[in-house]
Amino acid sequence: MYQLMSRRIKSISPETAEAILTANVYDGQRPIKERHVRILSDAMEKGLFTVGHIAIAHQGWNGGDSMLANGQHTCKAVINSDITVNAVFEEYNCKTPEDFALLYRQFDNNATRSLSDVALPEAKALGIKWSKEIINRMLSGIGFLENHNSLSLHKNKRVESLKRYIAEGNAINDIISCVNSSESKHLRRSPVIAAMIVTFKKCTADAETFWEEVRDGENLKASSPTMKLRNYLLSTNTAFGRGVNAPALNKAVGVREMYAKCIIAWNAYRRHDSTQLKFYADKETPKPV
């Protein structure tokens, strides 16, 4: 069993980080993830980094030589940002390679805070009173509009984008939350939320009427753009995600196509025109008028 020898807060300068990384010699060490290093470096440069965690093991089976058990990404970020940070610095004694293997797998073993976990407190700080589900739907729609996702943009950045869409989010929350969830289920998908955002940015009054008609389908002509869009959304799923999850669904499309058809219907509505909701994949995505 490994033994903790010391634990203290240590100032990690670029020079110290370089020295620590000379002990990064474990043959089972995971490869450096450059994206994670960039995230840490960015936090350091903006003064948002809190405290890192670095662990060094002394190999009792190899003359006491040091071997890094945790902290390679923090050290690399310190070097890249050229900023000194504080870290919890621990030293362990490992008598055998098995002791080190046991120590190594203790790190990064806690539950990671998901995007949803960090979004709720951010929303509360902004005075947003939407439900957790609406917050997640808004983040999904914003992600579509801003062309980012969990792989291309860190969750902290994604959450920060909420503050740019509070007015639209309040309007969308009113449209979706004032009815039973089953009655607005066809609106609760990222490309539809994205379309709702851009239409509310264009004209709040028209968008409110438009999306209420798409939601309810009451007293509409079969040829109206809102009825055509409603029927389309009720009978079509997205190729990714659960979508409307109804047994009658027999068609799945990409999110770009669904978003485009929402905008096509909106544009026809604004022009007092009819539409067949035709989508051409090789054409540019239509812009709302």
C-alpha atoms as a PDB file:
ATOM      1  CA  MET A   1       0.000   0.000   0.000  1.00  0.00           C
ATOM      2  CA  TYR A   2       1.273   3.491  -0.834  1.00  0.00           C
ATOM      3  CA  GLN A   3       1.882   5.935   2.038  1.00  0.00           C
ATOM      4  CA  LEU A   4       1.358   9.696   2.090  1.00  0.00           C
ATOM      5  CA  MET A   5       4.570  11.393   3.173  1.00  0.00           C
ATOM      6  CA  SER A   6       3.563  15.063   2.932  1.00  0.00           C
ATOM      7  CA  ARG A   7       0.858  17.372   1.647  1.00  0.00           C
ATOM      8  CA  ARG A   8       1.203  21.143   1.290  1.00  0.00           C
ATOM      9  CA  ILE A   9       0.293  24.095  -0.896  1.00  0.00           C
ATOM     10  CA  LYS A  10       3.184  24.732  -3.266  1.00  0.00           C
ATOM     11  CA  SER A  11       3.812  27.598  -5.666  1.00  0.00           C
ATOM     12  CA  ILE A  12       4.271  26.130  -9.144  1.00  0.00           C
ATOM     13  CA  SER A  13       6.287  28.409 -11.418  1.00  0.00           C
ATOM     14  CA  PRO A  14       7.137  27.533 -15.021  1.00  0.00           C
ATOM     15  CA  GLU A  15      10.608  26.472 -13.842  1.00  0.00           C
ATOM     16  CA  THR A  16       9.147  24.283 -11.087  1.00  0.00           C
ATOM     17  CA  ALA A  17       6.707  22.752 -13.558  1.00  0.00           C
ATOM     18  CA  GLU A  18       9.572  21.892 -15.907  1.00  0.00           C
ATOM     19  CA  ALA A  19      11.392  20.165 -13.062  1.00  0.00           C
ATOM     20  CA  ILE A  20       8.296  18.212 -12.027  1.00  0.00           C
ATOM     21  CA  LEU A  21       7.721  17.022 -15.582  1.00  0.00           C
ATOM     22  CA  THR A  22      11.165  15.399 -15.651  1.00  0.00           C
ATOM     23  CA  ALA A  23       9.568  12.823 -13.337  1.00  0.00           C
ATOM     24  CA  ASN A  24       6.748  12.148 -15.796  1.00  0.00           C
ATOM     25  CA  VAL A  25       8.205   8.764 -16.714  1.00  0.00           C
ATOM     26  CA  TYR A  26       5.457   6.279 -15.878  1.00  0.00           C
ATOM     27  CA  ASP A  27       4.998   3.998 -18.877  1.00  0.00           C
ATOM     28  CA  GLY A  28       1.270   3.755 -18.164  1.00  0.00           C
ATOM     29  CA  GLN A  29       0.772   7.528 -18.135  1.00  0.00           C
ATOM     30  CA  ARG A  30      -2.031   8.777 -20.375  1.00  0.00           C
ATOM     31  CA  PRO A  31      -1.036  11.006 -23.306  1.00  0.00           C
ATOM     32  CA  ILE A  32      -1.180  14.770 -22.822  1.00  0.00           C
ATOM     33  CA  LYS A  33      -4.545  16.146 -23.959  1.00  0.00           C
ATOM     34  CA  GLU A  34      -3.727  19.441 -25.621  1.00  0.00           C
ATOM     35  CA  ARG A  35      -7.320  20.638 -25.447  1.00  0.00           C
ATOM     36  CA  HIS A  36      -7.351  20.205 -21.662  1.00  0.00           C
ATOM     37  CA  VAL A  37      -4.038  22.033 -21.412  1.00  0.00           C
ATOM     38  CA  ARG A  38      -5.515  24.941 -23.403  1.00  0.00           C
ATOM     39  CA  ILE A  39      -8.530  25.070 -21.095  1.00  0.00           C
ATOM     40  CA  LEU A  40      -6.283  25.222 -18.010  1.00  0.00           C
ATOM     41  CA  SER A  41      -3.955  27.778 -19.607  1.00  0.00           C
ATOM     42  CA  ASP A  42      -6.901  29.971 -20.533  1.00  0.00           C
ATOM     43  CA  ALA A  43      -8.177  29.844 -16.949  1.00  0.00           C
ATOM     44  CA  MET A  44      -4.724  30.773 -15.643  1.00  0.00           C
ATOM     45  CA  GLU A  45      -4.402  33.712 -18.023  1.00  0.00           C
ATOM     46  CA  LYS A  46      -7.818  35.039 -17.008  1.00  0.00           C
ATOM     47  CA  GLY A  47      -7.186  34.603 -13.286  1.00  0.00           C
ATOM     48  CA  LEU A  48      -9.885  31.935 -12.992  1.00  0.00           C
ATOM     49  CA  PHE A  49      -7.662  29.000 -12.075  1.00  0.00           C
ATOM     50  CA  THR A  50      -8.173  27.951  -8.453  1.00  0.00           C
ATOM     51  CA  VAL A  51      -5.795  25.279  -7.137  1.00  0.00           C
ATOM     52  CA  GLY A  52      -4.116  22.444  -8.992  1.00  0.00           C
ATOM     53  CA  HIS A  53      -3.247  18.996  -7.669  1.00  0.00           C
ATOM     54  CA  ILE A  54       0.157  17.433  -8.189  1.00  0.00           C
ATOM     55  CA  ALA A  55       1.309  14.107  -6.779  1.00  0.00           C
ATOM     56  CA  ILE A  56       4.833  12.703  -6.826  1.00  0.00           C
ATOM     57  CA  ALA A  57       5.659   9.121  -5.850  1.00  0.00           C
ATOM     58  CA  HIS A  58       9.048   7.957  -4.627  1.00  0.00           C
ATOM     59  CA  GLN A  59       9.846   4.556  -6.062  1.00  0.00           C
ATOM     60  CA  GLY A  60      11.009   2.384  -3.176  1.00  0.00           C
ATOM     61  CA  TRP A  61      11.895  -0.351  -5.672  1.00  0.00           C
ATOM     62  CA  ASN A  62      14.087   1.974  -7.756  1.00  0.00           C
ATOM     63  CA  GLY A  63      16.294   3.821  -5.310  1.00  0.00           C
ATOM     64  CA  GLY A  64      13.628   6.387  -4.379  1.00  0.00           C
ATOM     65  CA  ASP A  65      13.499   8.038  -7.817  1.00  0.00           C
ATOM     66  CA  SER A  66      10.544  10.384  -8.307  1.00  0.00           C
ATOM     67  CA  MET A  67       7.664   9.530 -10.632  1.00  0.00           C
ATOM     68  CA  LEU A  68       4.728  11.800 -11.418  1.00  0.00           C
ATOM     69  CA  ALA A  69       1.357  10.293 -10.482  1.00  0.00           C
ATOM     70  CA  ASN A  70      -0.845  13.320 -11.155  1.00  0.00           C
ATOM     71  CA  GLY A  71      -0.568  16.879 -12.459  1.00  0.00           C
ATOM     72  CA  GLN A  72       1.012  16.687 -15.926  1.00  0.00           C
ATOM     73  CA  HIS A  73      -1.707  18.852 -17.496  1.00  0.00           C
ATOM     74  CA  THR A  74      -1.420  21.495 -14.776  1.00  0.00           C
ATOM     75  CA  CYS A  75       2.354  21.632 -15.187  1.00  0.00           C
ATOM     76  CA  LYS A  76       2.094  21.861 -18.970  1.00  0.00           C
ATOM     77  CA  ALA A  77      -0.471  24.671 -18.668  1.00  0.00           C
ATOM     78  CA  VAL A  78       1.793  26.610 -16.279  1.00  0.00           C
ATOM     79  CA  ILE A  79       4.618  26.382 -18.802  1.00  0.00           C
ATOM     80  CA  ASN A  80       2.423  27.405 -21.734  1.00  0.00           C
ATOM     81  CA  SER A  81       0.831  30.340 -19.921  1.00  0.00           C
ATOM     82  CA  ASP A  82       4.063  31.382 -18.165  1.00  0.00           C
ATOM     83  CA  ILE A  83       2.002  32.019 -15.025  1.00  0.00           C
ATOM     84  CA  THR A  84       2.770  30.796 -11.501  1.00  0.00           C
ATOM     85  CA  VAL A  85      -0.129  29.069  -9.720  1.00  0.00           C
ATOM     86  CA  ASN A  86      -0.720  27.285  -6.437  1.00  0.00           C
ATOM     87  CA  ALA A  87      -1.211  23.547  -6.236  1.00  0.00           C
ATOM     88  CA  VAL A  88      -1.805  20.949  -3.575  1.00  0.00           C
ATOM     89  CA  PHE A  89       1.532  19.143  -3.720  1.00  0.00           C
ATOM     90  CA  GLU A  90       1.639  15.596  -2.348  1.00  0.00           C
ATOM     91  CA  GLU A  91       4.505  13.151  -1.963  1.00  0.00           C
ATOM     92  CA  TYR A  92       3.951   9.431  -1.580  1.00  0.00           C
ATOM     93  CA  ASN A  93       6.131   6.472  -0.833  1.00  0.00           C
ATOM     94  CA  CYS A  94       5.509   3.452  -3.048  1.00  0.00           C
ATOM     95  CA  LYS A  95       7.432   0.319  -2.180  1.00  0.00           C
ATOM     96  CA  THR A  96       6.422  -1.652  -5.267  1.00  0.00           C
ATOM     97  CA  PRO A  97       5.168  -0.979  -8.815  1.00  0.00           C
ATOM     98  CA  GLU A  98       1.814  -2.352  -7.622  1.00  0.00           C
ATOM     99  CA  ASP A  99       1.682   0.361  -4.957  1.00  0.00           C
ATOM    100  CA  PHE A 100       2.203   3.023  -7.620  1.00  0.00           C
ATOM    101  CA  ALA A 101      -0.429   1.505  -9.915  1.00  0.00           C
ATOM    102  CA  LEU A 102      -2.908   1.612  -7.028  1.00  0.00           C
ATOM    103  CA  LEU A 103      -2.017   5.249  -6.296  1.00  0.00           C
ATOM    104  CA  TYR A 104      -2.220   6.261  -9.959  1.00  0.00           C
ATOM    105  CA  ARG A 105      -5.756   5.069 -10.427  1.00  0.00           C
ATOM    106  CA  GLN A 106      -7.039   7.096  -7.469  1.00  0.00           C
ATOM    107  CA  PHE A 107      -6.751  10.348  -9.419  1.00  0.00           C
ATOM    108  CA  ASP A 108      -9.392  11.754 -11.776  1.00  0.00           C
ATOM    109  CA  ASN A 109     -11.748   9.237 -10.204  1.00  0.00           C
ATOM    110  CA  ASN A 110     -14.424  11.651  -9.036  1.00  0.00           C
ATOM    111  CA  ALA A 111     -17.693  12.500 -10.798  1.00  0.00           C
ATOM    112  CA  THR A 112     -17.107  15.266 -13.320  1.00  0.00           C
ATOM    113  CA  ARG A 113     -19.476  18.214 -13.252  1.00  0.00           C
ATOM    114  CA  SER A 114     -21.566  18.021 -16.385  1.00  0.00           C
ATOM    115  CA  LEU A 115     -22.687  20.946 -18.531  1.00  0.00           C
ATOM    116  CA  SER A 116     -26.086  20.662 -16.873  1.00  0.00           C
ATOM    117  CA  ASP A 117     -24.508  20.740 -13.400  1.00  0.00           C
ATOM    118  CA  VAL A 118     -22.662  24.006 -14.028  1.00  0.00           C
ATOM    119  CA  ALA A 119     -25.474  25.637 -16.036  1.00  0.00           C
ATOM    120  CA  LEU A 120     -28.045  25.824 -13.233  1.00  0.00           C
ATOM    121  CA  PRO A 121     -26.003  27.955 -10.792  1.00  0.00           C
ATOM    122  CA  GLU A 122     -24.909  30.210 -13.659  1.00  0.00           C
ATOM    123  CA  ALA A 123     -28.539  30.703 -14.679  1.00  0.00           C
ATOM    124  CA  LYS A 124     -29.516  31.556 -11.100  1.00  0.00           C
ATOM    125  CA  ALA A 125     -26.670  34.066 -10.893  1.00  0.00           C
ATOM    126  CA  LEU A 126     -28.052  35.752 -14.018  1.00  0.00           C
ATOM    127  CA  GLY A 127     -31.531  35.915 -12.502  1.00  0.00           C
ATOM    128  CA  ILE A 128     -32.874  33.319 -14.951  1.00  0.00           C
ATOM    129  CA  LYS A 129     -35.924  31.490 -13.624  1.00  0.00           C
ATOM    130  CA  TRP A 130     -36.280  28.809 -16.301  1.00  0.00           C
ATOM    131  CA  SER A 131     -36.454  25.162 -15.360  1.00  0.00           C
ATOM    132  CA  LYS A 132     -33.351  23.019 -15.638  1.00  0.00           C
ATOM    133  CA  GLU A 133     -34.763  21.396 -18.761  1.00  0.00           C
ATOM    134  CA  ILE A 134     -35.342  24.740 -20.497  1.00  0.00           C
ATOM    135  CA  ILE A 135     -31.820  25.841 -19.580  1.00  0.00           C
ATOM    136  CA  ASN A 136     -30.453  22.681 -21.200  1.00  0.00           C
ATOM    137  CA  ARG A 137     -32.665  23.176 -24.280  1.00  0.00           C
ATOM    138  CA  MET A 138     -31.448  26.756 -24.632  1.00  0.00           C
ATOM    139  CA  LEU A 139     -27.817  25.666 -24.364  1.00  0.00           C
ATOM    140  CA  SER A 140     -28.483  23.086 -27.057  1.00  0.00           C
ATOM    141  CA  GLY A 141     -30.047  25.670 -29.368  1.00  0.00           C
ATOM    142  CA  ILE A 142     -27.299  28.200 -28.697  1.00  0.00           C
ATOM    143  CA  GLY A 143     -24.746  25.493 -29.405  1.00  0.00           C
ATOM    144  CA  PHE A 144     -26.328  24.898 -32.792  1.00  0.00           C
ATOM    145  CA  LEU A 145     -26.329  28.616 -33.645  1.00  0.00           C
ATOM    146  CA  GLU A 146     -22.786  29.240 -32.500  1.00  0.00           C
ATOM    147  CA  ASN A 147     -21.525  26.019 -34.046  1.00  0.00           C
ATOM    148  CA  HIS A 148     -20.086  24.571 -30.884  1.00  0.00           C
ATOM    149  CA  ASN A 149     -20.591  21.418 -28.877  1.00  0.00           C
ATOM    150  CA  SER A 150     -19.054  19.543 -25.975  1.00  0.00           C
ATOM    151  CA  LEU A 151     -16.058  18.541 -28.083  1.00  0.00           C
ATOM    152  CA  SER A 152     -15.223  21.924 -29.555  1.00  0.00           C
ATOM    153  CA  LEU A 153     -15.937  24.292 -26.672  1.00  0.00           C
ATOM    154  CA  HIS A 154     -15.447  23.796 -22.973  1.00  0.00           C
ATOM    155  CA  LYS A 155     -18.600  23.725 -20.836  1.00  0.00           C
ATOM    156  CA  ASN A 156     -17.600  26.898 -18.967  1.00  0.00           C
ATOM    157  CA  LYS A 157     -17.639  28.824 -22.259  1.00  0.00           C
ATOM    158  CA  ARG A 158     -20.933  27.275 -23.275  1.00  0.00           C
ATOM    159  CA  VAL A 159     -22.589  28.255 -20.003  1.00  0.00           C
ATOM    160  CA  GLU A 160     -21.327  31.835 -20.349  1.00  0.00           C
ATOM    161  CA  SER A 161     -23.209  32.112 -23.656  1.00  0.00           C
ATOM    162  CA  LEU A 162     -26.524  32.053 -21.762  1.00  0.00           C
ATOM    163  CA  LYS A 163     -26.184  35.715 -20.811  1.00  0.00           C
ATOM    164  CA  ARG A 164     -26.364  36.744 -24.477  1.00  0.00           C
ATOM    165  CA  TYR A 165     -29.775  35.155 -24.977  1.00  0.00           C
ATOM    166  CA  ILE A 166     -31.741  35.938 -21.817  1.00  0.00           C
ATOM    167  CA  ALA A 167     -34.507  37.926 -23.557  1.00  0.00           C
ATOM    168  CA  GLU A 168     -35.022  35.252 -26.217  1.00  0.00           C
ATOM    169  CA  GLY A 169     -34.850  32.548 -23.568  1.00  0.00           C
ATOM    170  CA  ASN A 170     -37.563  34.237 -21.503  1.00  0.00           C
ATOM    171  CA  ALA A 171     -39.825  34.347 -24.565  1.00  0.00           C
ATOM    172  CA  ILE A 172     -39.103  30.728 -25.480  1.00  0.00           C
ATOM    173  CA  ASN A 173     -39.696  29.654 -21.895  1.00  0.00           C
ATOM    174  CA  ASP A 174     -43.132  31.308 -22.037  1.00  0.00           C
ATOM    175  CA  ILE A 175     -43.978  29.486 -25.278  1.00  0.00           C
ATOM    176  CA  ILE A 176     -42.843  26.059 -24.096  1.00  0.00           C
ATOM    177  CA  SER A 177     -43.576  26.036 -20.384  1.00  0.00           C
ATOM    178  CA  CYS A 178     -47.136  27.372 -20.366  1.00  0.00           C
ATOM    179  CA  VAL A 179     -48.497  24.081 -21.744  1.00  0.00           C
ATOM    180  CA  ASN A 180     -48.097  20.435 -20.890  1.00  0.00           C
ATOM    181  CA  SER A 181     -44.709  19.091 -22.019  1.00  0.00           C
ATOM    182  CA  SER A 182     -46.378  16.650 -24.398  1.00  0.00           C
ATOM    183  CA  GLU A 183     -48.012  19.579 -26.204  1.00  0.00           C
ATOM    184  CA  SER A 184     -44.710  21.337 -26.828  1.00  0.00           C
ATOM    185  CA  LYS A 185     -42.483  18.304 -27.299  1.00  0.00           C
ATOM    186  CA  HIS A 186     -42.062  18.975 -31.023  1.00  0.00           C
ATOM    187  CA  LEU A 187     -40.489  22.350 -30.163  1.00  0.00           C
ATOM    188  CA  ARG A 188     -37.937  21.014 -27.693  1.00  0.00           C
ATOM    189  CA  ARG A 189     -35.107  20.130 -30.071  1.00  0.00           C
ATOM    190  CA  SER A 190     -31.920  22.063 -30.654  1.00  0.00           C
ATOM    191  CA  PRO A 191     -32.592  23.144 -34.289  1.00  0.00           C
ATOM    192  CA  VAL A 192     -36.113  24.293 -33.363  1.00  0.00           C
ATOM    193  CA  ILE A 193     -34.887  26.166 -30.282  1.00  0.00           C
ATOM    194  CA  ALA A 194     -32.212  27.760 -32.468  1.00  0.00           C
ATOM    195  CA  ALA A 195     -34.875  28.857 -34.957  1.00  0.00           C
ATOM    196  CA  MET A 196     -36.967  30.250 -32.128  1.00  0.00           C
ATOM    197  CA  ILE A 197     -34.003  32.272 -30.885  1.00  0.00           C
ATOM    198  CA  VAL A 198     -33.273  33.912 -34.242  1.00  0.00           C
ATOM    199  CA  THR A 199     -36.935  34.629 -34.980  1.00  0.00           C
ATOM    200  CA  PHE A 200     -37.454  36.286 -31.606  1.00  0.00           C
ATOM    201  CA  LYS A 201     -34.386  38.380 -32.349  1.00  0.00           C
ATOM    202  CA  LYS A 202     -36.035  39.459 -35.606  1.00  0.00           C
ATOM    203  CA  CYS A 203     -39.507  40.330 -34.312  1.00  0.00           C
ATOM    204  CA  THR A 204     -40.795  39.401 -30.875  1.00  0.00           C
ATOM    205  CA  ALA A 205     -44.487  39.977 -31.636  1.00  0.00           C
ATOM    206  CA  ASP A 206     -44.498  37.927 -34.846  1.00  0.00           C
ATOM    207  CA  ALA A 207     -42.375  35.186 -33.302  1.00  0.00           C
ATOM    208  CA  GLU A 208     -44.745  34.847 -30.360  1.00  0.00           C
ATOM    209  CA  THR A 209     -47.742  34.342 -32.655  1.00  0.00           C
ATOM    210  CA  PHE A 210     -45.833  32.141 -35.096  1.00  0.00           C
ATOM    211  CA  TRP A 211     -44.556  29.687 -32.481  1.00  0.00           C
ATOM    212  CA  GLU A 212     -47.850  29.583 -30.597  1.00  0.00           C
ATOM    213  CA  GLU A 213     -49.524  28.514 -33.841  1.00  0.00           C
ATOM    214  CA  VAL A 214     -46.814  25.897 -34.481  1.00  0.00           C
ATOM    215  CA  ARG A 215     -47.276  24.690 -30.915  1.00  0.00           C
ATOM    216  CA  ASP A 216     -51.083  24.506 -30.856  1.00  0.00           C
ATOM    217  CA  GLY A 217     -52.230  24.190 -34.476  1.00  0.00           C
ATOM    218  CA  GLU A 218     -55.601  25.768 -33.655  1.00  0.00           C
ATOM    219  CA  ASN A 219     -57.820  27.375 -36.307  1.00  0.00           C
ATOM    220  CA  LEU A 220     -55.151  27.102 -38.992  1.00  0.00           C
ATOM    221  CA  LYS A 221     -55.586  26.384 -42.667  1.00  0.00           C
ATOM    222  CA  ALA A 222     -53.795  23.287 -43.912  1.00  0.00           C
ATOM    223  CA  SER A 223     -51.856  25.491 -46.351  1.00  0.00           C
ATOM    224  CA  SER A 224     -50.579  27.929 -43.722  1.00  0.00           C
ATOM    225  CA  PRO A 225     -46.796  27.931 -43.078  1.00  0.00           C
ATOM    226  CA  THR A 226     -47.329  27.378 -39.358  1.00  0.00           C
ATOM    227  CA  MET A 227     -49.557  24.338 -39.886  1.00  0.00           C
ATOM    228  CA  LYS A 228     -47.147  22.865 -42.435  1.00  0.00           C
ATOM    229  CA  LEU A 229     -44.245  23.333 -40.038  1.00  0.00           C
ATOM    230  CA  ARG A 230     -46.240  21.879 -37.146  1.00  0.00           C
ATOM    231  CA  ASN A 231     -47.148  18.776 -39.163  1.00  0.00           C
ATOM    232  CA  TYR A 232     -43.544  18.421 -40.292  1.00  0.00           C
ATOM    233  CA  LEU A 233     -42.161  18.647 -36.736  1.00  0.00           C
ATOM    234  CA  LEU A 234     -44.755  16.225 -35.405  1.00  0.00           C
ATOM    235  CA  SER A 235     -43.919  13.636 -38.048  1.00  0.00           C
ATOM    236  CA  THR A 236     -40.146  14.059 -38.259  1.00  0.00           C
ATOM    237  CA  ASN A 237     -37.336  13.226 -35.890  1.00  0.00           C
ATOM    238  CA  THR A 238     -33.768  14.476 -35.830  1.00  0.00           C
ATOM    239  CA  ALA A 239     -31.065  12.055 -36.872  1.00  0.00           C
ATOM    240  CA  PHE A 240     -29.380  12.609 -33.503  1.00  0.00           C
ATOM    241  CA  GLY A 241     -31.079  12.589 -30.119  1.00  0.00           C
ATOM    242  CA  ARG A 242     -34.524  11.359 -29.093  1.00  0.00           C
ATOM    243  CA  GLY A 243     -36.517  14.155 -30.661  1.00  0.00           C
ATOM    244  CA  VAL A 244     -40.275  13.754 -30.448  1.00  0.00           C
ATOM    245  CA  ASN A 245     -40.112  10.043 -29.551  1.00  0.00           C
ATOM    246  CA  ALA A 246     -43.515   9.149 -30.946  1.00  0.00           C
ATOM    247  CA  PRO A 247     -44.391   5.747 -32.469  1.00  0.00           C
ATOM    248  CA  ALA A 248     -45.814   7.444 -35.582  1.00  0.00           C
ATOM    249  CA  LEU A 249     -42.487   8.953 -36.557  1.00  0.00           C
ATOM    250  CA  ASN A 250     -41.092   7.402 -39.700  1.00  0.00           C
ATOM    251  CA  LYS A 251     -38.535   9.942 -40.835  1.00  0.00           C
ATOM    252  CA  ALA A 252     -35.265  11.259 -39.428  1.00  0.00           C
ATOM    253  CA  VAL A 253     -33.390  14.274 -40.764  1.00  0.00           C
ATOM    254  CA  GLY A 254     -30.262  16.197 -39.898  1.00  0.00           C
ATOM    255  CA  VAL A 255     -30.441  19.162 -37.541  1.00  0.00           C
ATOM    256  CA  ARG A 256     -29.492  21.587 -40.331  1.00  0.00           C
ATOM    257  CA  GLU A 257     -32.466  20.474 -42.414  1.00  0.00           C
ATOM    258  CA  MET A 258     -34.891  20.837 -39.524  1.00  0.00           C
ATOM    259  CA  TYR A 259     -33.546  24.296 -38.680  1.00  0.00           C
ATOM    260  CA  ALA A 260     -33.741  25.361 -42.330  1.00  0.00           C
ATOM    261  CA  LYS A 261     -37.366  24.265 -42.647  1.00  0.00           C
ATOM    262  CA  CYS A 262     -38.260  26.234 -39.534  1.00  0.00           C
ATOM    263  CA  ILE A 263     -36.748  29.344 -41.116  1.00  0.00           C
ATOM    264  CA  ILE A 264     -38.409  28.629 -44.489  1.00  0.00           C
ATOM    265  CA  ALA A 265     -41.793  28.493 -42.746  1.00  0.00           C
ATOM    266  CA  TRP A 266     -41.010  31.661 -40.770  1.00  0.00           C
ATOM    267  CA  ASN A 267     -40.012  33.573 -43.886  1.00  0.00           C
ATOM    268  CA  ALA A 268     -43.204  32.501 -45.681  1.00  0.00           C
ATOM    269  CA  TYR A 269     -45.246  33.562 -42.641  1.00  0.00           C
ATOM    270  CA  ARG A 270     -43.599  36.987 -42.552  1.00  0.00           C
ATOM    271  CA  ARG A 271     -44.158  37.464 -46.289  1.00  0.00           C
ATOM    272  CA  HIS A 272     -47.793  36.266 -46.068  1.00  0.00           C
ATOM    273  CA  ASP A 273     -46.869  33.596 -48.573  1.00  0.00           C
ATOM    274  CA  SER A 274     -47.275  29.822 -48.895  1.00  0.00           C
ATOM    275  CA  THR A 275     -44.484  27.257 -48.816  1.00  0.00           C
ATOM    276  CA  GLN A 276     -43.785  23.610 -49.532  1.00  0.00           C
ATOM    277  CA  LEU A 277     -40.949  23.588 -46.977  1.00  0.00           C
ATOM    278  CA  LYS A 278     -38.512  22.433 -49.638  1.00  0.00           C
ATOM    279  CA  PHE A 279     -34.960  21.991 -48.394  1.00  0.00           C
ATOM    280  CA  TYR A 280     -31.907  21.816 -50.650  1.00  0.00           C
ATOM    281  CA  ALA A 281     -28.842  20.445 -48.919  1.00  0.00           C
ATOM    282  CA  ASP A 282     -26.462  22.044 -51.421  1.00  0.00           C
ATOM    283  CA  LYS A 283     -27.885  25.537 -50.854  1.00  0.00           C
ATOM    284  CA  GLU A 284     -26.966  27.940 -48.067  1.00  0.00           C
ATOM    285  CA  THR A 285     -29.051  27.749 -44.928  1.00  0.00           C
ATOM    286  CA  PRO A 286     -31.799  30.373 -45.256  1.00  0.00           C
ATOM    287  CA  LYS A 287     -31.635  33.470 -43.088  1.00  0.00           C
ATOM    288  CA  PRO A 288     -34.706  34.759 -41.238  1.00  0.00           C
ATOM    289  CA  VAL A 289     -36.429  37.875 -42.599  1.00  0.00           C
END
